[in-house]
Amino acid sequence: MAYDKNTKQKIISEIEALTEKEQETVLGLVENYIHGKMDESGWDELPQAWKKRIEESMRQGDEGKLVLNEDAVAYIRKKYGLNG
């Protein structure tokens, strides 16, 4: 695989300029990218009510109970007499 050797040095230089905490974050992102994993670390920080609503929305999506964004916007505009 051919690449510009300067690319690797640029990456290293940028990472070295980060704080230790930022470097840990970048490492997590890189590992997720390389291994194709999703980072769900923020999930635990969400309020329980938000998690419940997200899970409900995902379940509705799985059941095919979806409303296209365009349809939702048209409905809201018509309901409230909005133009635009």
Protein backbone atom coordinates (compact mmCIF):
# COMPACT_ATOMS: atom_id res chain seq x y z
CA MET A 1 0.00 0.00 0.00
CA ALA A 2 1.59 3.22 -1.14
CA TYR A 3 1.27 6.32 0.98
CA ASP A 4 3.04 9.56 1.51
CA LYS A 5 5.53 9.04 4.36
CA ASN A 6 4.75 12.58 5.44
CA THR A 7 1.17 11.51 6.13
CA LYS A 8 2.23 9.23 8.96
CA GLN A 9 4.46 11.96 10.43
CA LYS A 10 1.64 14.50 10.16
CA ILE A 11 -0.69 12.18 12.04
CA ILE A 12 1.88 11.58 14.76
CA SER A 13 2.62 15.29 15.04
CA GLU A 14 -1.06 16.18 15.39
CA ILE A 15 -1.61 13.50 18.03
CA GLU A 16 1.46 14.51 20.02
CA ALA A 17 0.05 18.06 20.25
CA LEU A 18 -3.05 16.77 22.04
CA THR A 19 -3.54 16.40 25.77
CA GLU A 20 -3.32 12.90 27.23
CA LYS A 21 -7.12 12.79 27.57
CA GLU A 22 -7.57 13.87 23.94
CA GLN A 23 -5.07 11.22 22.84
CA GLU A 24 -7.13 8.57 24.66
CA THR A 25 -10.22 9.77 22.81
CA VAL A 26 -8.43 9.64 19.46
CA LEU A 27 -7.16 6.15 20.25
CA GLY A 28 -10.72 5.01 20.89
CA LEU A 29 -11.89 6.51 17.62
CA VAL A 30 -9.05 4.92 15.68
CA GLU A 31 -9.64 1.51 17.27
CA ASN A 32 -13.36 1.74 16.51
CA TYR A 33 -12.60 2.73 12.93
CA ILE A 34 -10.11 -0.08 12.40
CA HIS A 35 -12.24 -2.74 14.04
CA GLY A 36 -15.58 -1.46 12.77
CA LYS A 37 -17.05 -1.02 16.24
CA MET A 38 -19.53 1.57 17.36
CA ASP A 39 -18.58 3.74 20.32
CA GLU A 40 -21.44 3.66 22.80
CA SER A 41 -19.57 5.25 25.69
CA GLY A 42 -21.96 8.22 25.80
CA TRP A 43 -25.01 5.97 26.17
CA ASP A 44 -24.52 5.53 29.92
CA GLU A 45 -24.50 9.30 30.39
CA LEU A 46 -27.93 9.83 28.81
CA PRO A 47 -30.93 10.39 31.07
CA GLN A 48 -33.08 7.27 31.46
CA ALA A 49 -36.07 9.00 29.81
CA TRP A 50 -34.00 9.71 26.68
CA LYS A 51 -32.78 6.11 26.51
CA LYS A 52 -36.35 4.86 26.81
CA ARG A 53 -37.53 7.16 23.99
CA ILE A 54 -34.61 6.21 21.75
CA GLU A 55 -35.26 2.50 22.29
CA GLU A 56 -38.98 3.04 21.60
CA SER A 57 -38.15 4.89 18.37
CA MET A 58 -35.80 2.11 17.28
CA ARG A 59 -38.50 -0.47 17.97
CA GLN A 60 -41.01 1.55 15.92
CA GLY A 61 -38.50 1.73 13.08
CA ASP A 62 -38.00 -2.03 13.20
CA GLU A 63 -41.79 -2.43 12.98
CA GLY A 64 -41.93 -0.16 9.93
CA LYS A 65 -43.77 2.60 11.78
CA LEU A 66 -41.81 5.44 10.22
CA VAL A 67 -42.69 8.94 9.09
CA LEU A 68 -40.46 10.57 6.52
CA ASN A 69 -38.95 13.88 7.57
CA GLU A 70 -40.55 15.63 4.60
CA ASP A 71 -43.99 14.35 5.63
CA ALA A 72 -43.50 15.41 9.24
CA VAL A 73 -42.39 18.91 8.20
CA ALA A 74 -45.37 19.25 5.83
CA TYR A 75 -47.74 18.14 8.61
CA ILE A 76 -46.32 20.64 11.12
CA ARG A 77 -46.38 23.48 8.57
CA LYS A 78 -49.99 22.76 7.65
CA LYS A 79 -51.10 22.30 11.26
CA TYR A 80 -49.56 25.57 12.45
CA GLY A 81 -49.99 27.57 9.24
CA LEU A 82 -46.26 27.97 8.70
CA ASN A 83 -44.78 28.99 5.36
CA GLY A 84 -41.34 28.28 4.12
